[in-house]
Amino acid sequence: QVQLVESGGGLVQPGGSLRLSCAASGRIFSSNTMGWYRQAPGKQRELVATISSGGSTNYADSLKGRFTISRDNAKNTVSLQMSSLELEDTAVYYCSYKRALSNTYWGQGTQVTVSS
């Protein structure tokens, strides 16, 4: 089992920045992919970005250039730096952990609200 705990959500004005962090614990394997997804009210959960333990990244096309994902393998953490935030970025952001041929683990989610 893997436990994921997110932090860093909150209220931010349009154009502002916010940094999310996620710490993984439990049965962590060295080869894995961690990432962020988000779900806005009335919408399906969607990819924000993922990063492999080797450092390969994958971003939602619409978020490239504004969001940056990073990780610290030694600490089993993944972060998401969000800038130039827009109203449409308002959502619950979920941390994920996945290994090949295994289930995806999810955090409890952290609310990000972009509002003036």
C-alpha atoms as a PDB file:
ATOM      1  CA  GLN A   1       0.000   0.000   0.000  1.00  0.00           C
ATOM      2  CA  VAL A   2       1.032   3.561  -0.725  1.00  0.00           C
ATOM      3  CA  GLN A   3      -0.194   6.631   1.090  1.00  0.00           C
ATOM      4  CA  LEU A   4      -0.122  10.056  -0.518  1.00  0.00           C
ATOM      5  CA  VAL A   5      -0.565  13.319   1.349  1.00  0.00           C
ATOM      6  CA  GLU A   6      -0.976  16.572  -0.565  1.00  0.00           C
ATOM      7  CA  SER A   7      -0.419  20.070   0.721  1.00  0.00           C
ATOM      8  CA  GLY A   8      -0.250  23.605  -0.593  1.00  0.00           C
ATOM      9  CA  GLY A   9      -3.708  24.241  -1.967  1.00  0.00           C
ATOM     10  CA  GLY A  10      -5.633  27.405  -1.253  1.00  0.00           C
ATOM     11  CA  LEU A  11      -7.123  30.580  -2.612  1.00  0.00           C
ATOM     12  CA  VAL A  12      -5.168  32.639  -5.120  1.00  0.00           C
ATOM     13  CA  GLN A  13      -5.980  35.560  -7.381  1.00  0.00           C
ATOM     14  CA  PRO A  14      -5.903  35.259 -11.158  1.00  0.00           C
ATOM     15  CA  GLY A  15      -2.355  35.611 -12.400  1.00  0.00           C
ATOM     16  CA  GLY A  16      -0.947  34.369  -9.127  1.00  0.00           C
ATOM     17  CA  SER A  17       1.175  31.353  -8.309  1.00  0.00           C
ATOM     18  CA  LEU A  18       0.822  28.374  -6.055  1.00  0.00           C
ATOM     19  CA  ARG A  19       2.963  25.348  -5.259  1.00  0.00           C
ATOM     20  CA  LEU A  20       1.519  21.951  -4.423  1.00  0.00           C
ATOM     21  CA  SER A  21       3.470  19.196  -2.743  1.00  0.00           C
ATOM     22  CA  CYS A  22       2.799  15.522  -2.211  1.00  0.00           C
ATOM     23  CA  ALA A  23       4.605  13.082   0.034  1.00  0.00           C
ATOM     24  CA  ALA A  24       4.426   9.352  -0.580  1.00  0.00           C
ATOM     25  CA  SER A  25       4.925   6.723   2.093  1.00  0.00           C
ATOM     26  CA  GLY A  26       4.456   3.014   2.486  1.00  0.00           C
ATOM     27  CA  ARG A  27       5.600   0.429  -0.009  1.00  0.00           C
ATOM     28  CA  ILE A  28       7.474   2.681  -2.411  1.00  0.00           C
ATOM     29  CA  PHE A  29       9.400   1.136  -5.265  1.00  0.00           C
ATOM     30  CA  SER A  30      12.257   2.946  -6.917  1.00  0.00           C
ATOM     31  CA  SER A  31      10.710   2.736 -10.377  1.00  0.00           C
ATOM     32  CA  ASN A  32       7.413   4.598 -10.452  1.00  0.00           C
ATOM     33  CA  THR A  33       5.542   7.499 -11.934  1.00  0.00           C
ATOM     34  CA  MET A  34       4.052  10.212  -9.791  1.00  0.00           C
ATOM     35  CA  GLY A  35       1.857  12.993 -10.936  1.00  0.00           C
ATOM     36  CA  TRP A  36      -0.991  15.409 -10.566  1.00  0.00           C
ATOM     37  CA  TYR A  37      -4.523  15.267 -11.835  1.00  0.00           C
ATOM     38  CA  ARG A  38      -7.376  17.644 -11.242  1.00  0.00           C
ATOM     39  CA  GLN A  39     -11.130  17.583 -11.162  1.00  0.00           C
ATOM     40  CA  ALA A  40     -13.282  20.656 -11.503  1.00  0.00           C
ATOM     41  CA  PRO A  41     -16.933  20.671 -10.428  1.00  0.00           C
ATOM     42  CA  GLY A  42     -19.087  18.786 -12.903  1.00  0.00           C
ATOM     43  CA  LYS A  43     -16.103  17.599 -14.922  1.00  0.00           C
ATOM     44  CA  GLN A  44     -14.075  14.432 -15.177  1.00  0.00           C
ATOM     45  CA  ARG A  45     -10.685  14.054 -13.572  1.00  0.00           C
ATOM     46  CA  GLU A  46      -7.990  15.099 -16.016  1.00  0.00           C
ATOM     47  CA  LEU A  47      -4.245  14.866 -16.327  1.00  0.00           C
ATOM     48  CA  VAL A  48      -2.169  17.817 -15.221  1.00  0.00           C
ATOM     49  CA  ALA A  49       1.342  16.343 -15.340  1.00  0.00           C
ATOM     50  CA  THR A  50       3.306  13.232 -14.500  1.00  0.00           C
ATOM     51  CA  ILE A  51       6.971  12.567 -13.866  1.00  0.00           C
ATOM     52  CA  SER A  52       8.785   9.268 -13.804  1.00  0.00           C
ATOM     53  CA  SER A  53      11.455   8.298 -11.312  1.00  0.00           C
ATOM     54  CA  GLY A  54      13.898   8.825 -14.155  1.00  0.00           C
ATOM     55  CA  GLY A  55      12.710  12.389 -14.629  1.00  0.00           C
ATOM     56  CA  SER A  56      10.637  12.048 -17.781  1.00  0.00           C
ATOM     57  CA  THR A  57       7.689  14.415 -17.739  1.00  0.00           C
ATOM     58  CA  ASN A  58       4.320  14.506 -19.428  1.00  0.00           C
ATOM     59  CA  TYR A  59       2.047  17.554 -19.370  1.00  0.00           C
ATOM     60  CA  ALA A  60      -1.455  18.299 -20.478  1.00  0.00           C
ATOM     61  CA  ASP A  61      -0.964  20.332 -23.641  1.00  0.00           C
ATOM     62  CA  SER A  62      -3.079  23.198 -22.366  1.00  0.00           C
ATOM     63  CA  LEU A  63      -0.924  23.613 -19.252  1.00  0.00           C
ATOM     64  CA  LYS A  64       2.544  23.528 -20.762  1.00  0.00           C
ATOM     65  CA  GLY A  65       4.496  26.631 -19.904  1.00  0.00           C
ATOM     66  CA  ARG A  66       2.440  27.542 -16.863  1.00  0.00           C
ATOM     67  CA  PHE A  67       2.828  24.441 -14.702  1.00  0.00           C
ATOM     68  CA  THR A  68       6.057  22.682 -13.781  1.00  0.00           C
ATOM     69  CA  ILE A  69       6.295  19.282 -12.130  1.00  0.00           C
ATOM     70  CA  SER A  70       9.324  18.101 -10.176  1.00  0.00           C
ATOM     71  CA  ARG A  71      10.211  15.359  -7.755  1.00  0.00           C
ATOM     72  CA  ASP A  72      12.710  14.362  -5.096  1.00  0.00           C
ATOM     73  CA  ASN A  73      13.299  10.629  -5.292  1.00  0.00           C
ATOM     74  CA  ALA A  74      15.197  10.544  -2.015  1.00  0.00           C
ATOM     75  CA  LYS A  75      12.227  12.041  -0.170  1.00  0.00           C
ATOM     76  CA  ASN A  76       9.507  10.403  -2.275  1.00  0.00           C
ATOM     77  CA  THR A  77       7.899  13.734  -2.967  1.00  0.00           C
ATOM     78  CA  VAL A  78       6.449  15.366  -6.038  1.00  0.00           C
ATOM     79  CA  SER A  79       5.664  19.042  -6.470  1.00  0.00           C
ATOM     80  CA  LEU A  80       3.676  21.135  -8.880  1.00  0.00           C
ATOM     81  CA  GLN A  81       4.580  24.767  -9.414  1.00  0.00           C
ATOM     82  CA  MET A  82       1.629  26.617 -10.899  1.00  0.00           C
ATOM     83  CA  SER A  83       1.940  30.125 -12.297  1.00  0.00           C
ATOM     84  CA  SER A  84      -0.257  32.575 -14.206  1.00  0.00           C
ATOM     85  CA  LEU A  85      -3.238  30.868 -12.675  1.00  0.00           C
ATOM     86  CA  GLU A  86      -6.596  31.305 -14.355  1.00  0.00           C
ATOM     87  CA  LEU A  87     -10.151  30.972 -13.111  1.00  0.00           C
ATOM     88  CA  GLU A  88     -10.395  27.721 -15.065  1.00  0.00           C
ATOM     89  CA  ASP A  89      -7.607  26.203 -12.948  1.00  0.00           C
ATOM     90  CA  THR A  90      -9.981  26.010 -10.002  1.00  0.00           C
ATOM     91  CA  ALA A  91     -10.297  22.340  -9.081  1.00  0.00           C
ATOM     92  CA  VAL A  92      -9.399  19.680  -6.595  1.00  0.00           C
ATOM     93  CA  TYR A  93      -5.863  18.555  -7.359  1.00  0.00           C
ATOM     94  CA  TYR A  94      -4.954  14.937  -6.734  1.00  0.00           C
ATOM     95  CA  CYS A  95      -1.516  13.410  -6.356  1.00  0.00           C
ATOM     96  CA  SER A  96      -0.976  10.025  -7.966  1.00  0.00           C
ATOM     97  CA  TYR A  97       1.514   7.185  -7.731  1.00  0.00           C
ATOM     98  CA  LYS A  98       1.743   4.294 -10.151  1.00  0.00           C
ATOM     99  CA  ARG A  99       4.037   1.452 -10.999  1.00  0.00           C
ATOM    100  CA  ALA A 100       3.846  -0.636 -14.147  1.00  0.00           C
ATOM    101  CA  LEU A 101       1.221  -3.390 -13.984  1.00  0.00           C
ATOM    102  CA  SER A 102      -0.172  -2.094 -10.692  1.00  0.00           C
ATOM    103  CA  ASN A 103      -3.015   0.063  -9.484  1.00  0.00           C
ATOM    104  CA  THR A 104      -2.851   3.820  -9.279  1.00  0.00           C
ATOM    105  CA  TYR A 105      -2.834   5.257  -5.792  1.00  0.00           C
ATOM    106  CA  TRP A 106      -4.450   8.613  -5.109  1.00  0.00           C
ATOM    107  CA  GLY A 107      -4.149  11.242  -2.460  1.00  0.00           C
ATOM    108  CA  GLN A 108      -7.159  12.782  -0.769  1.00  0.00           C
ATOM    109  CA  GLY A 109      -6.971  15.891  -2.925  1.00  0.00           C
ATOM    110  CA  THR A 110      -6.275  19.525  -2.217  1.00  0.00           C
ATOM    111  CA  GLN A 111      -8.512  22.390  -3.267  1.00  0.00           C
ATOM    112  CA  VAL A 112      -7.144  25.135  -5.480  1.00  0.00           C
ATOM    113  CA  THR A 113      -9.440  28.101  -5.955  1.00  0.00           C
ATOM    114  CA  VAL A 114      -8.567  30.920  -8.337  1.00  0.00           C
ATOM    115  CA  SER A 115     -10.756  33.915  -7.670  1.00  0.00           C
ATOM    116  CA  SER A 116     -10.562  37.665  -7.473  1.00  0.00           C
END
